Amino acid sequence: MESNQALDLPPGGGTAGNRVSAATPEDLAAFTSLRERHCPAGHFIGEGVRVVRRMLEAGCVAQVLCSEEWVERLPAAGVEVRVAPRESVDRVAGLRIHQRVMALGRIPEPGPVRGSLLVALDGISSAENVGSILRTCAAFGVEGVLVGPGTASPWHRRAVRVSLAAGLRVPVHFPFDLAAVLAVLPAYAAHLYGDLREYTQVDFTQPCCLVFGGEANGPSERVLAACRLAIHIPMAPGWDCLNVAASAAVLLAEARRQRAPPPS
């Protein structure tokens, strides 16, 4: 990596209430690579201005990595800030569109599953789809997300970037047996086959858990069997389905519409 002397940072110095120092190779390693997980257990990586801001507001930041121009722009949060040359941060990020500010955060404890509007994810392997669904959940007031085995973690770096760190707003749970949990909930599966009901005919004002499965086959057979009903979104003639993240947006928008208080 480039010499840290070019940053002209005094060891252990601070600005805006934060503790600022030059990044070491070990600091950079914790943020490296989209594919590999180098960050400590129980932590996640967020990148970009909006994500890092949310992390700082949530008080979950363990360390910030940024280029020099961001040091004075960070809020006074009393956090450890590691500064590296732009070229080093670019290599760590692996993306040209990167904003050269990242944060290592602690994954919050979700607490018990509760709420009248929940979402469950079954076998969704795309981190981008998971992140998009989490962002939609935050936008429409979902109170908890159940992540089943075979689903990409919402704390994966790609998912955090797409969701804008929505997992800090919506509690994320990881049940060992998703079907068993759904069996005791009023769960409705978004699906394409079988005995279906159009989504506008479902009463979303009552407590419910909306279940979304993988792109290819939808929810697994066990998960479907645990649901009370399968619901679908009607398509134009000659077309059969939406992307799972788009489907989640449609169904949750309808749930939000039904749950909105009547105009005064």
Protein backbone atom coordinates (compact mmCIF):
# COMPACT_ATOMS: atom_id res chain seq x y z
CA MET A 1 0.00 0.00 0.00
CA GLU A 2 1.01 3.63 -0.31
CA SER A 3 2.91 5.28 2.50
CA ASN A 4 0.63 6.61 5.24
CA GLN A 5 3.06 9.51 5.69
CA ALA A 6 1.45 11.17 2.66
CA LEU A 7 -1.68 11.70 4.76
CA ASP A 8 0.21 13.77 7.34
CA LEU A 9 -1.90 12.42 10.20
CA PRO A 10 -0.54 12.57 13.74
CA PRO A 11 -0.70 9.17 15.48
CA GLY A 12 -3.84 8.90 17.57
CA GLY A 13 -5.02 12.33 16.47
CA GLY A 14 -8.70 13.25 16.46
CA THR A 15 -11.10 15.61 14.75
CA ALA A 16 -14.79 16.32 15.24
CA GLY A 17 -14.75 14.15 18.38
CA ASN A 18 -13.48 11.07 16.52
CA ARG A 19 -10.17 9.26 17.00
CA VAL A 20 -8.30 9.53 13.70
CA SER A 21 -5.17 7.66 12.62
CA ALA A 22 -3.60 6.28 9.46
CA ALA A 23 -4.94 2.90 8.32
CA THR A 24 -2.70 -0.13 8.80
CA PRO A 25 -2.66 -3.16 6.49
CA GLU A 26 -4.71 -4.99 9.13
CA ASP A 27 -7.34 -2.24 9.06
CA LEU A 28 -7.59 -2.48 5.28
CA ALA A 29 -7.86 -6.28 5.40
CA ALA A 30 -11.04 -6.06 7.49
CA PHE A 31 -12.76 -4.19 4.64
CA THR A 32 -11.36 -6.15 1.71
CA SER A 33 -13.32 -7.92 -1.05
CA LEU A 34 -16.97 -8.26 -1.95
CA ARG A 35 -16.76 -12.07 -1.99
CA GLU A 36 -14.70 -12.85 1.10
CA ARG A 37 -15.69 -12.10 4.66
CA HIS A 38 -12.67 -10.72 6.48
CA CYS A 39 -14.59 -8.70 9.06
CA PRO A 40 -14.91 -10.08 12.60
CA ALA A 41 -17.81 -12.35 13.54
CA GLY A 42 -20.90 -10.44 14.54
CA HIS A 43 -19.99 -7.46 12.36
CA PHE A 44 -20.86 -6.19 8.89
CA ILE A 45 -19.41 -3.79 6.35
CA GLY A 46 -21.30 -0.76 5.08
CA GLU A 47 -20.16 1.49 2.27
CA GLY A 48 -21.21 4.84 0.87
CA VAL A 49 -22.28 8.08 2.50
CA ARG A 50 -25.93 7.20 3.19
CA VAL A 51 -25.15 3.77 4.63
CA VAL A 52 -22.34 5.01 6.87
CA ARG A 53 -24.53 7.88 8.08
CA ARG A 54 -27.25 5.42 9.08
CA MET A 55 -24.69 3.27 10.87
CA LEU A 56 -23.35 6.24 12.80
CA GLU A 57 -26.88 7.32 13.74
CA ALA A 58 -27.60 3.79 14.98
CA GLY A 59 -24.49 3.85 17.14
CA CYS A 60 -23.25 0.50 15.82
CA VAL A 61 -19.97 1.63 14.20
CA ALA A 62 -16.79 -0.03 15.38
CA GLN A 63 -14.49 1.64 12.83
CA VAL A 64 -14.63 3.93 9.81
CA LEU A 65 -12.30 3.65 6.82
CA CYS A 66 -12.15 6.64 4.48
CA SER A 67 -9.97 8.80 2.29
CA GLU A 68 -8.66 12.05 3.67
CA GLU A 69 -11.37 14.35 2.30
CA TRP A 70 -14.00 12.65 4.50
CA VAL A 71 -12.27 13.15 7.85
CA GLU A 72 -13.69 16.62 8.58
CA ARG A 73 -17.10 15.73 7.14
CA LEU A 74 -17.84 12.85 9.52
CA PRO A 75 -20.12 13.70 12.47
CA ALA A 76 -18.69 13.77 15.96
CA ALA A 77 -19.56 10.22 16.97
CA GLY A 78 -16.51 9.30 19.07
CA VAL A 79 -15.54 6.49 16.71
CA GLU A 80 -12.23 5.12 15.44
CA VAL A 81 -11.47 6.57 11.98
CA ARG A 82 -8.78 5.02 9.82
CA VAL A 83 -7.60 7.12 6.87
CA ALA A 84 -5.92 5.77 3.75
CA PRO A 85 -4.96 7.23 0.35
CA ARG A 86 -7.71 7.21 -2.27
CA GLU A 87 -5.98 4.50 -4.28
CA SER A 88 -5.88 2.17 -1.26
CA VAL A 89 -9.57 2.68 -0.47
CA ASP A 90 -10.45 2.11 -4.14
CA ARG A 91 -8.61 -1.21 -4.12
CA VAL A 92 -10.37 -2.27 -0.93
CA ALA A 93 -13.79 -1.31 -2.30
CA GLY A 94 -13.30 -2.94 -5.68
CA LEU A 95 -15.75 -0.52 -7.30
CA ARG A 96 -15.11 2.63 -9.30
CA ILE A 97 -18.38 4.13 -8.09
CA HIS A 98 -17.31 3.79 -4.47
CA GLN A 99 -17.49 6.99 -2.39
CA ARG A 100 -14.35 6.19 -0.40
CA VAL A 101 -16.06 5.97 2.96
CA MET A 102 -16.86 2.66 4.66
CA ALA A 103 -17.68 1.47 8.14
CA LEU A 104 -17.35 -1.72 10.15
CA GLY A 105 -20.48 -2.12 12.27
CA ARG A 106 -21.80 -4.43 14.96
CA ILE A 107 -24.83 -6.52 13.93
CA PRO A 108 -27.68 -5.60 16.29
CA GLU A 109 -29.52 -8.21 18.34
CA PRO A 110 -33.05 -8.46 16.88
CA GLY A 111 -34.84 -9.55 20.04
CA PRO A 112 -37.94 -11.79 19.88
CA VAL A 113 -40.04 -12.05 16.73
CA ARG A 114 -42.99 -9.69 17.07
CA GLY A 115 -45.19 -7.44 14.96
CA SER A 116 -48.32 -7.59 12.85
CA LEU A 117 -46.53 -7.32 9.48
CA LEU A 118 -43.62 -9.69 8.91
CA VAL A 119 -41.70 -10.94 5.87
CA ALA A 120 -40.00 -14.32 5.43
CA LEU A 121 -37.32 -15.14 2.85
CA ASP A 122 -36.83 -18.74 1.72
CA GLY A 123 -33.93 -19.74 -0.53
CA ILE A 124 -33.25 -16.31 -2.08
CA SER A 125 -29.58 -16.63 -2.98
CA SER A 126 -29.06 -13.18 -4.53
CA ALA A 127 -27.70 -10.67 -2.03
CA GLU A 128 -28.95 -7.85 -4.25
CA ASN A 129 -32.52 -9.20 -4.16
CA VAL A 130 -32.33 -9.63 -0.39
CA GLY A 131 -31.03 -6.08 0.00
CA SER A 132 -33.76 -4.68 -2.24
CA ILE A 133 -36.46 -6.52 -0.27
CA LEU A 134 -35.04 -5.24 3.03
CA ARG A 135 -35.12 -1.68 1.70
CA THR A 136 -38.77 -2.16 0.70
CA CYS A 137 -39.55 -3.61 4.13
CA ALA A 138 -38.15 -0.51 5.81
CA ALA A 139 -40.11 1.76 3.45
CA PHE A 140 -43.47 0.08 4.10
CA GLY A 141 -43.27 -0.52 7.83
CA VAL A 142 -42.43 -4.23 8.08
CA GLU A 143 -41.71 -5.09 11.71
CA GLY A 144 -39.44 -8.09 11.24
CA VAL A 145 -37.79 -10.24 8.57
CA LEU A 146 -37.28 -14.00 8.94
CA VAL A 147 -34.29 -15.26 6.93
CA GLY A 148 -34.39 -18.97 6.25
CA PRO A 149 -31.52 -21.29 5.35
CA GLY A 150 -30.32 -20.91 1.76
CA THR A 151 -31.03 -17.18 1.72
CA ALA A 152 -28.20 -14.67 1.36
CA SER A 153 -27.56 -12.82 4.58
CA PRO A 154 -28.94 -9.27 4.77
CA TRP A 155 -25.59 -8.44 6.43
CA HIS A 156 -23.62 -9.40 3.32
CA ARG A 157 -21.81 -6.33 2.03
CA ARG A 158 -23.75 -6.28 -1.26
CA ALA A 159 -27.07 -6.61 0.57
CA VAL A 160 -26.20 -3.81 2.99
CA ARG A 161 -25.28 -1.53 0.11
CA VAL A 162 -28.53 -2.17 -1.79
CA SER A 163 -30.72 -2.00 1.32
CA LEU A 164 -29.11 1.21 2.61
CA ALA A 165 -28.51 -0.67 5.88
CA ALA A 166 -32.24 -1.32 6.33
CA GLY A 167 -31.38 -4.13 8.74
CA LEU A 168 -30.67 -1.41 11.29
CA ARG A 169 -34.31 -0.33 11.02
CA VAL A 170 -36.08 -3.69 10.52
CA PRO A 171 -35.17 -6.52 12.94
CA VAL A 172 -33.64 -9.48 11.09
CA HIS A 173 -34.10 -13.00 12.50
CA PHE A 174 -32.45 -16.27 11.44
CA PRO A 175 -34.74 -19.17 12.48
CA PHE A 176 -33.20 -22.62 12.24
CA ASP A 177 -36.45 -24.12 10.89
CA LEU A 178 -38.35 -21.48 8.92
CA ALA A 179 -41.30 -23.79 8.12
CA ALA A 180 -41.83 -24.56 11.81
CA VAL A 181 -41.92 -20.85 12.66
CA LEU A 182 -44.31 -20.07 9.82
CA ALA A 183 -46.67 -22.87 10.87
CA VAL A 184 -47.70 -20.85 13.94
CA LEU A 185 -47.98 -17.55 12.03
CA PRO A 186 -50.68 -16.28 9.62
CA ALA A 187 -48.32 -16.76 6.68
CA TYR A 188 -49.10 -16.12 3.00
CA ALA A 189 -46.74 -17.29 0.27
CA ALA A 190 -46.14 -15.35 -2.92
CA HIS A 191 -46.30 -18.12 -5.52
CA LEU A 192 -47.17 -18.86 -9.15
CA TYR A 193 -48.81 -22.27 -8.99
CA GLY A 194 -51.57 -24.17 -7.25
CA ASP A 195 -54.69 -22.79 -5.57
CA LEU A 196 -53.96 -19.05 -5.73
CA ARG A 197 -55.71 -15.92 -4.55
CA GLU A 198 -55.16 -12.52 -6.13
CA TYR A 199 -53.19 -10.31 -3.76
CA THR A 200 -55.78 -7.51 -3.73
CA GLN A 201 -58.30 -9.97 -2.31
CA VAL A 202 -56.21 -10.63 0.81
CA ASP A 203 -56.99 -8.75 4.03
CA PHE A 204 -53.62 -7.29 4.98
CA THR A 205 -55.12 -5.28 7.83
CA GLN A 206 -54.90 -8.45 9.92
CA PRO A 207 -51.58 -9.75 11.28
CA CYS A 208 -49.69 -11.58 8.54
CA CYS A 209 -46.31 -12.76 7.34
CA LEU A 210 -45.57 -12.53 3.61
CA VAL A 211 -43.29 -15.29 2.35
CA PHE A 212 -41.02 -14.93 -0.69
CA GLY A 213 -38.95 -17.69 -2.27
CA GLY A 214 -36.15 -18.07 -4.79
CA GLU A 215 -36.44 -16.85 -8.37
CA ALA A 216 -36.60 -20.30 -9.97
CA ASN A 217 -39.12 -22.24 -7.90
CA GLY A 218 -40.47 -19.96 -5.21
CA PRO A 219 -40.78 -21.14 -1.59
CA SER A 220 -39.89 -24.74 -0.77
CA GLU A 221 -42.59 -27.39 -0.37
CA ARG A 222 -42.27 -27.43 3.43
CA VAL A 223 -42.55 -23.66 3.62
CA LEU A 224 -45.54 -23.64 1.27
CA ALA A 225 -47.24 -26.31 3.37
CA ALA A 226 -46.77 -24.16 6.46
CA CYS A 227 -48.54 -21.18 4.83
CA ARG A 228 -52.28 -20.63 5.03
CA LEU A 229 -52.61 -19.37 1.48
CA ALA A 230 -50.70 -18.79 -1.76
CA ILE A 231 -51.20 -15.39 -3.36
CA HIS A 232 -50.22 -14.02 -6.76
CA ILE A 233 -49.97 -10.83 -8.78
CA PRO A 234 -51.88 -10.95 -12.08
CA MET A 235 -49.70 -10.44 -15.15
CA ALA A 236 -50.35 -9.10 -18.63
CA PRO A 237 -51.14 -11.79 -21.26
CA GLY A 238 -48.02 -13.61 -22.40
CA TRP A 239 -45.96 -12.86 -19.28
CA ASP A 240 -45.69 -14.96 -16.16
CA CYS A 241 -43.83 -13.30 -13.29
CA LEU A 242 -41.98 -10.40 -11.68
CA ASN A 243 -38.56 -10.38 -10.07
CA VAL A 244 -38.90 -11.43 -6.41
CA ALA A 245 -37.83 -8.01 -5.16
CA ALA A 246 -40.41 -6.31 -7.41
CA SER A 247 -43.08 -8.75 -6.22
CA ALA A 248 -42.25 -7.90 -2.62
CA ALA A 249 -42.62 -4.20 -3.40
CA VAL A 250 -46.06 -4.72 -4.97
CA LEU A 251 -47.42 -6.84 -2.11
CA LEU A 252 -46.00 -4.65 0.64
CA ALA A 253 -47.30 -1.51 -1.03
CA GLU A 254 -50.78 -3.08 -0.98
CA ALA A 255 -50.38 -4.03 2.67
CA ARG A 256 -49.31 -0.48 3.47
CA ARG A 257 -52.26 0.93 1.50
CA GLN A 258 -54.76 -1.22 3.37
CA ARG A 259 -53.21 -0.41 6.72
CA ALA A 260 -53.04 3.36 6.18
CA PRO A 261 -55.42 5.30 8.42
CA PRO A 262 -58.42 6.77 6.59
CA PRO A 263 -58.07 10.43 5.63
CA SER A 264 -59.47 12.85 8.19
